[in-house]
Protein backbone atom coordinates (compact mmCIF):
# COMPACT_ATOMS: atom_id res chain seq x y z
CA MET A 1 10.65 -22.36 -41.87
CA ALA A 2 14.06 -23.92 -42.34
CA ALA A 3 15.32 -20.65 -43.86
CA VAL A 4 14.31 -18.74 -40.71
CA TYR A 5 14.98 -21.28 -37.93
CA GLY A 6 17.53 -23.63 -39.48
CA ALA A 7 17.47 -27.42 -39.18
CA SER A 8 15.54 -27.51 -35.86
CA PRO A 9 12.53 -25.16 -35.83
CA PRO A 10 10.77 -24.46 -32.49
CA GLN A 11 8.11 -26.97 -31.41
CA LEU A 12 4.90 -26.56 -29.43
CA PRO A 13 4.89 -28.07 -25.92
CA PRO A 14 3.52 -31.64 -25.71
CA GLY A 15 -0.24 -32.18 -25.25
CA GLN A 16 -3.37 -31.37 -27.19
CA PRO A 17 -2.98 -28.60 -29.79
CA GLY A 18 -3.21 -25.27 -27.95
CA GLU A 19 -3.75 -26.89 -24.54
CA ALA A 20 -0.25 -26.44 -23.13
CA VAL A 21 0.03 -22.87 -24.38
CA HIS A 22 -2.95 -21.74 -22.27
CA LEU A 23 -2.58 -23.85 -19.14
CA SER A 24 -5.04 -21.96 -16.88
CA ALA A 25 -6.94 -19.85 -19.37
CA SER A 26 -10.39 -20.97 -18.24
CA GLU A 27 -9.86 -20.34 -14.50
CA GLN A 28 -12.18 -17.73 -13.07
CA MET A 29 -10.58 -14.82 -11.25
CA GLU A 30 -12.26 -13.88 -8.00
CA THR A 31 -13.31 -10.24 -7.62
CA ARG A 32 -10.98 -8.27 -5.36
CA HIS A 33 -11.64 -4.94 -3.64
CA TYR A 34 -9.00 -2.47 -2.47
CA ASP A 35 -9.22 0.82 -0.60
CA ILE A 36 -6.76 3.02 -2.52
CA THR A 37 -7.55 6.29 -0.76
CA ASN A 38 -4.42 8.28 -0.11
CA THR A 39 -4.12 10.15 3.17
CA CYS A 40 -3.57 13.57 1.58
CA ALA A 41 -6.76 13.32 -0.47
CA ARG A 42 -8.77 12.11 2.52
CA LEU A 43 -7.68 15.07 4.64
CA LEU A 44 -7.59 17.85 2.04
CA CYS A 45 -10.44 16.94 -0.35
CA CYS A 46 -13.58 16.80 1.75
CA CYS A 47 -13.26 13.21 2.99
CA LEU A 48 -12.43 11.78 -0.45
CA GLU A 49 -12.47 7.97 -0.67
CA SER A 50 -11.10 5.91 -3.57
CA HIS A 51 -11.72 2.21 -4.13
CA LEU A 52 -10.46 -0.21 -6.76
CA GLU A 53 -12.37 -3.32 -7.82
CA LEU A 54 -10.63 -5.93 -9.97
CA ASN A 55 -12.96 -8.43 -11.62
CA GLU A 56 -12.57 -10.83 -14.53
CA GLU A 57 -12.86 -8.24 -17.30
CA GLU A 58 -12.07 -4.77 -16.00
CA ALA A 59 -10.69 -2.54 -13.28
CA ILE A 60 -13.30 -0.27 -11.71
CA PHE A 61 -12.17 2.90 -9.95
CA ARG A 62 -14.76 4.42 -7.59
CA GLY A 63 -14.34 7.82 -5.97
CA ARG A 64 -16.62 9.53 -3.46
CA SER A 65 -16.46 12.72 -1.44
CA CYS A 66 -19.01 14.96 0.23
CA CYS A 67 -19.63 16.68 -3.14
CA VAL A 68 -18.86 14.21 -5.93
CA LYS A 69 -19.32 10.53 -6.76
CA SER A 70 -17.49 8.99 -9.75
CA VAL A 71 -17.03 5.59 -11.36
CA ARG A 72 -14.45 4.84 -14.06
CA ARG A 73 -14.34 1.43 -15.74
CA GLU A 74 -11.20 0.40 -17.59
CA PRO A 75 -11.10 -2.96 -19.42
CA TYR A 76 -7.76 -4.71 -18.89
CA ALA A 77 -7.16 -4.80 -22.65
CA GLN A 78 -7.20 -0.99 -22.74
CA LEU A 79 -5.14 -0.30 -19.61
CA GLY A 80 -1.75 -0.45 -21.32
CA SER A 81 0.49 0.56 -18.45
CA VAL A 82 -0.14 0.89 -14.72
CA ALA A 83 2.35 2.74 -12.53
CA PRO A 84 2.49 4.22 -9.03
CA ALA A 85 2.30 8.00 -8.75
CA GLU A 86 3.86 9.73 -5.75
CA LEU A 87 3.57 13.29 -4.47
CA CYS A 88 5.10 15.03 -1.43
CA CYS A 89 8.16 12.74 -1.26
CA GLY A 90 6.04 9.59 -1.12
CA ALA A 91 3.57 10.81 1.52
CA CYS A 92 0.77 10.73 -1.08
CA VAL A 93 0.62 7.67 -3.30
CA ASN A 94 -1.78 6.93 -6.15
CA VAL A 95 -2.09 4.77 -9.26
CA LYS A 96 -1.92 6.18 -12.78
CA THR A 97 -2.70 4.45 -16.05
CA ASP A 98 -2.27 5.58 -19.63
CA GLN A 99 -6.11 5.86 -19.70
CA SER A 100 -6.13 8.32 -16.81
CA LEU A 101 -3.46 10.39 -18.58
CA ARG A 102 -5.53 10.37 -21.78
CA SER A 103 -8.72 11.45 -19.98
CA SER A 104 -6.90 14.29 -18.15
CA ARG A 105 -5.57 15.61 -21.49
CA THR A 106 -9.05 15.68 -23.02
CA ALA A 107 -10.54 17.35 -19.93
CA ARG A 108 -8.41 20.49 -20.35
């Protein structure tokens, strides 16, 4: 270690081993629900509705229209990146993940 860090190597924070590193690791996250329907989709796609549920282990995307109902579950560990997606100069806003990009490539 001295060869890498010199005379004063980094130290763990004070406390029980591993305790200070994960201060709130055992706290339960409450489930949250969001309506993520964009206005363009609602008007142009047969009353399309999109909802996002965030629970302790995964993000659940639910879509429903007069013709189709879909559910997509994405564990947080597999999400990778999450970014806003805008169309029509910001009038239509959505969320894209690297998982949604991957699934659209395989659907072609």
